[in-house]
N, C-alpha and C. Protein backbone atom coordinates (compact mmCIF):
# COMPACT_ATOMS: atom_id res chain seq x y z
N MET A 1 0.92 -1.14 -0.08
CA MET A 1 -0.25 -0.24 -0.02
C MET A 1 0.73 1.32 -0.06
N ARG A 2 0.65 2.19 -1.03
CA ARG A 2 1.40 3.43 -0.85
C ARG A 2 0.76 4.44 -0.06
N ARG A 3 1.82 5.08 0.72
CA ARG A 3 1.54 5.95 1.84
C ARG A 3 1.49 7.34 0.87
N VAL A 4 0.31 8.22 1.31
CA VAL A 4 0.46 9.52 1.04
C VAL A 4 0.42 10.38 2.03
N SER A 5 1.17 11.51 1.98
CA SER A 5 1.57 12.27 2.76
C SER A 5 0.33 13.46 3.14
N ARG A 6 0.05 14.03 3.94
CA ARG A 6 -0.72 15.14 4.32
C ARG A 6 -1.08 16.03 3.44
N ARG A 7 0.20 16.50 3.14
CA ARG A 7 0.18 17.51 1.85
C ARG A 7 -0.33 17.17 0.78
N ALA A 8 -0.12 15.80 0.47
CA ALA A 8 -0.16 15.33 -1.11
C ALA A 8 -1.72 14.98 -1.34
N PHE A 9 -2.25 14.60 0.20
CA PHE A 9 -3.90 14.42 0.06
C PHE A 9 -4.63 15.71 -0.11
N ALA A 10 -3.96 16.61 0.93
CA ALA A 10 -4.78 18.01 0.59
C ALA A 10 -4.75 18.47 -0.54
N ARG A 11 -3.59 18.62 -1.21
CA ARG A 11 -3.49 18.85 -2.66
C ARG A 11 -4.32 18.50 -3.56
N ASP A 12 -4.59 17.04 -3.31
CA ASP A 12 -5.56 16.34 -4.64
C ASP A 12 -7.00 16.44 -4.08
N ALA A 13 -7.14 16.93 -2.86
CA ALA A 13 -8.53 17.05 -2.39
C ALA A 13 -9.02 18.38 -3.03
N VAL A 14 -8.11 19.41 -2.91
CA VAL A 14 -8.41 20.72 -3.47
C VAL A 14 -8.44 20.77 -5.23
N ILE A 15 -7.62 19.78 -5.66
CA ILE A 15 -8.13 19.68 -7.47
C ILE A 15 -9.60 18.95 -7.48
N VAL A 16 -9.58 17.70 -6.87
CA VAL A 16 -11.14 16.95 -6.82
C VAL A 16 -12.29 18.14 -7.10
N ALA A 17 -12.29 18.75 -5.43
CA ALA A 17 -13.05 19.72 -4.99
C ALA A 17 -13.43 20.79 -6.18
N GLY A 18 -12.33 21.56 -6.89
CA GLY A 18 -12.59 22.50 -7.87
C GLY A 18 -12.79 21.95 -8.96
N ALA A 19 -12.58 20.59 -9.51
CA ALA A 19 -13.28 20.07 -10.57
C ALA A 19 -14.46 19.56 -10.19
N ALA A 20 -15.23 19.33 -9.12
CA ALA A 20 -16.49 19.17 -8.89
C ALA A 20 -17.25 20.38 -8.76
N ALA A 21 -16.85 21.63 -8.47
CA ALA A 21 -17.42 22.56 -8.40
C ALA A 21 -17.47 23.38 -10.11
N VAL A 22 -16.65 22.87 -10.89
CA VAL A 22 -16.66 23.37 -12.39
C VAL A 22 -17.45 22.58 -13.24
N MET A 23 -17.47 21.34 -13.09
CA MET A 23 -18.43 20.38 -13.55
C MET A 23 -19.93 20.53 -13.75
N PRO A 24 -20.37 21.00 -12.67
CA PRO A 24 -22.01 21.01 -12.69
C PRO A 24 -22.12 22.31 -13.45
N ASN A 25 -21.36 23.50 -13.60
CA ASN A 25 -21.81 24.47 -14.50
C ASN A 25 -21.57 23.98 -16.03
N ALA A 26 -20.76 23.39 -16.36
CA ALA A 26 -20.25 23.20 -17.72
C ALA A 26 -21.42 22.39 -18.32
N LEU A 27 -22.12 21.03 -17.60
CA LEU A 27 -23.27 20.41 -17.77
C LEU A 27 -24.49 21.08 -18.07
N ALA A 28 -24.68 22.14 -16.95
CA ALA A 28 -25.61 22.80 -16.84
C ALA A 28 -26.20 23.76 -18.23
N ALA A 29 -24.80 24.06 -18.69
CA ALA A 29 -25.08 24.91 -20.23
C ALA A 29 -25.14 24.22 -20.83
N GLU A 30 -25.00 22.83 -21.05
CA GLU A 30 -25.19 22.15 -22.43
C GLU A 30 -26.82 21.57 -22.36
N THR A 31 -27.58 21.21 -20.91
CA THR A 31 -28.66 20.90 -21.11
C THR A 31 -29.57 21.94 -21.16
N PRO A 32 -30.82 21.87 -21.59
CA PRO A 32 -31.94 22.67 -21.41
C PRO A 32 -32.74 22.46 -20.34
N PRO A 33 -33.28 23.44 -19.65
CA PRO A 33 -34.04 23.47 -18.37
C PRO A 33 -35.19 22.21 -18.60
N ALA A 34 -35.58 21.75 -17.72
CA ALA A 34 -36.77 21.01 -17.68
C ALA A 34 -37.93 21.78 -17.40
N PRO A 35 -38.81 21.35 -17.99
CA PRO A 35 -40.21 22.07 -17.86
C PRO A 35 -40.77 22.01 -16.38
N PRO A 36 -41.37 23.05 -15.62
CA PRO A 36 -41.74 23.11 -14.61
C PRO A 36 -42.71 22.08 -14.03
N ASN A 37 -42.72 21.32 -12.97
CA ASN A 37 -43.64 20.33 -12.73
C ASN A 37 -44.78 21.16 -11.84
N PRO A 38 -46.08 20.89 -12.54
CA PRO A 38 -47.07 21.66 -11.81
C PRO A 38 -47.21 21.50 -10.11
N GLU A 39 -47.02 20.04 -10.06
CA GLU A 39 -47.22 19.74 -8.43
C GLU A 39 -45.91 20.69 -7.51
N VAL A 40 -44.91 20.53 -8.21
CA VAL A 40 -43.72 21.15 -7.67
C VAL A 40 -43.99 22.78 -7.52
N GLU A 41 -44.74 23.34 -8.54
CA GLU A 41 -44.98 24.79 -8.17
C GLU A 41 -46.18 25.14 -7.64
N ALA A 42 -47.28 24.17 -7.22
CA ALA A 42 -48.15 24.29 -6.38
C ALA A 42 -47.88 24.40 -5.13
N ARG A 43 -46.99 23.42 -4.74
CA ARG A 43 -46.34 23.48 -3.25
C ARG A 43 -45.62 24.84 -3.14
N ILE A 44 -44.76 25.29 -3.89
CA ILE A 44 -44.01 26.48 -3.57
C ILE A 44 -44.76 27.63 -3.55
N GLN A 45 -46.20 27.86 -4.43
CA GLN A 45 -46.84 28.82 -4.41
C GLN A 45 -47.57 28.63 -2.94
N TRP A 46 -48.03 27.60 -2.39
CA TRP A 46 -48.83 27.46 -1.26
C TRP A 46 -47.58 28.13 -0.02
N ILE A 47 -46.45 27.93 -0.13
CA ILE A 47 -45.53 28.39 0.66
C ILE A 47 -45.40 29.76 0.93
N LEU A 48 -45.04 30.06 -0.44
CA LEU A 48 -44.81 31.66 -0.61
C LEU A 48 -46.42 32.37 -0.35
N THR A 49 -47.19 31.76 -0.51
CA THR A 49 -48.57 32.42 -0.08
C THR A 49 -48.93 32.59 1.34
N LYS A 50 -48.36 31.49 2.04
CA LYS A 50 -48.44 31.75 3.16
C LYS A 50 -47.34 32.21 4.45
N TYR A 51 -46.19 32.17 3.55
CA TYR A 51 -44.90 32.71 4.50
C TYR A 51 -44.12 33.83 3.37
N GLY A 52 -44.69 34.02 2.26
CA GLY A 52 -43.69 34.87 1.48
C GLY A 52 -43.47 36.44 1.88
N SER A 53 -44.18 37.07 2.75
CA SER A 53 -44.14 38.18 3.27
C SER A 53 -42.64 38.27 4.04
N ARG A 54 -42.60 37.14 4.61
CA ARG A 54 -41.18 37.08 5.92
C ARG A 54 -40.19 36.68 5.06
N LEU A 55 -40.23 36.44 3.66
CA LEU A 55 -38.76 35.63 3.02
C LEU A 55 -38.40 36.52 2.35
N ASN A 56 -36.88 36.40 2.24
CA ASN A 56 -36.07 37.41 1.21
C ASN A 56 -35.81 36.55 -0.05
N ASP A 57 -35.10 37.06 -0.96
CA ASP A 57 -35.17 36.45 -2.13
C ASP A 57 -34.24 34.90 -1.97
N ALA A 58 -32.96 34.94 -1.24
CA ALA A 58 -32.66 33.98 -1.11
C ALA A 58 -33.12 32.89 -0.28
N GLN A 59 -34.09 33.06 0.49
CA GLN A 59 -34.81 32.17 1.01
C GLN A 59 -35.81 31.69 0.31
N ARG A 60 -36.52 32.29 -0.53
CA ARG A 60 -37.32 31.74 -1.64
C ARG A 60 -36.48 31.01 -2.67
N ALA A 61 -35.50 31.39 -2.99
CA ALA A 61 -34.52 30.28 -3.86
C ALA A 61 -34.51 29.15 -3.37
N ASP A 62 -34.05 29.24 -1.94
CA ASP A 62 -33.80 28.06 -1.20
C ASP A 62 -34.89 26.69 -1.07
N ILE A 63 -36.20 27.76 -0.83
CA ILE A 63 -37.46 26.97 -0.86
C ILE A 63 -37.55 26.14 -2.28
N ARG A 64 -37.55 26.80 -3.10
CA ARG A 64 -37.55 26.37 -4.69
C ARG A 64 -36.59 25.24 -4.78
N ARG A 65 -35.45 25.09 -4.39
CA ARG A 65 -34.47 24.29 -4.68
C ARG A 65 -34.85 23.09 -3.60
N LEU A 66 -35.14 22.98 -2.56
CA LEU A 66 -35.44 22.18 -1.64
C LEU A 66 -36.82 21.38 -2.05
N ILE A 67 -37.86 21.90 -2.31
CA ILE A 67 -39.16 21.38 -2.93
C ILE A 67 -38.72 20.50 -4.27
N THR A 68 -37.93 21.59 -5.19
CA THR A 68 -37.63 20.84 -6.53
C THR A 68 -36.78 19.51 -6.36
N GLY A 69 -35.75 19.55 -5.21
CA GLY A 69 -34.91 18.42 -4.98
C GLY A 69 -35.55 17.32 -4.30
N GLY A 70 -36.89 17.47 -3.44
CA GLY A 70 -37.38 16.56 -2.76
C GLY A 70 -38.44 15.73 -3.73
N GLN A 71 -38.97 16.16 -4.97
CA GLN A 71 -39.75 15.56 -5.96
C GLN A 71 -39.50 14.37 -6.41
N SER A 72 -38.03 14.03 -6.59
CA SER A 72 -37.75 12.94 -6.97
C SER A 72 -38.34 11.63 -6.28
N SER A 73 -37.69 12.06 -4.55
CA SER A 73 -38.52 10.89 -3.63
C SER A 73 -39.76 10.74 -3.65
N ILE A 74 -40.67 11.68 -3.89
CA ILE A 74 -41.91 11.62 -3.91
C ILE A 74 -42.26 10.96 -4.99
N ASP A 75 -41.56 10.86 -6.22
CA ASP A 75 -42.27 10.15 -7.47
C ASP A 75 -41.85 8.96 -7.23
N ALA A 76 -40.66 8.58 -6.61
CA ALA A 76 -40.30 7.36 -6.58
C ALA A 76 -41.33 6.14 -5.37
N MET A 77 -41.68 7.21 -4.33
CA MET A 77 -42.43 6.36 -3.64
C MET A 77 -43.81 6.16 -4.23
N ARG A 78 -44.63 6.89 -5.00
CA ARG A 78 -45.80 6.88 -5.66
C ARG A 78 -45.56 5.84 -6.47
N ALA A 79 -44.23 5.36 -7.21
CA ALA A 79 -43.83 4.49 -8.47
C ALA A 79 -44.04 3.08 -7.57
N TYR A 80 -44.07 2.73 -6.33
CA TYR A 80 -43.85 1.56 -5.77
C TYR A 80 -45.33 1.21 -5.60
N PRO A 81 -45.89 -0.08 -6.34
CA PRO A 81 -47.00 -0.68 -6.40
C PRO A 81 -47.44 -1.11 -5.18
N LEU A 82 -48.64 -0.52 -4.47
CA LEU A 82 -49.13 -1.26 -3.53
C LEU A 82 -50.59 -1.22 -3.50
N ASP A 83 -51.26 -2.78 -2.91
CA ASP A 83 -52.59 -2.80 -2.70
C ASP A 83 -53.26 -2.40 -1.49
N ASN A 84 -54.42 -2.00 -1.54
CA ASN A 84 -55.10 -1.60 -0.18
C ASN A 84 -55.20 -2.43 0.73
N SER A 85 -54.75 -4.03 0.14
CA SER A 85 -54.85 -4.98 1.23
C SER A 85 -53.35 -5.17 1.91
N VAL A 86 -52.36 -4.22 1.61
CA VAL A 86 -51.00 -4.00 2.28
C VAL A 86 -51.08 -3.24 3.31
N GLY A 87 -50.65 -4.12 4.56
CA GLY A 87 -50.83 -3.34 5.68
C GLY A 87 -49.41 -2.68 6.23
N PRO A 88 -49.48 -2.11 7.21
CA PRO A 88 -47.99 -1.36 7.61
C PRO A 88 -47.35 -2.68 8.43
N THR A 89 -46.13 -2.38 8.34
CA THR A 89 -45.17 -3.70 8.73
C THR A 89 -44.40 -3.00 10.23
C-alpha cells in the first residue's frame, strides 16, 4: 500500500473539489432546463402565499431548490405498487 502524505492528500482534495465545482456548471450550460412540474409549482406557491412576506429572495430560492430536489423521492414512492390489502409492517 502506498503511503500518502497529508500535504499530497490535501493538494489532491483541492484539485478534486475544484473540478467538481466546475463540472455542474459546464453540464448545466449544455442541457436545456426541464419544464416546471405543476405539483412542485403548486407547493412552492402555497408556501410563498403563506410565508412569502417574511422571506427574502435567497430564502425563496432555497425553498424552490428544496421542494424541487425532494420531488424525485416523492415520485419514487408513488411508483411503488401497493394494494389496499398491504398493511403497515
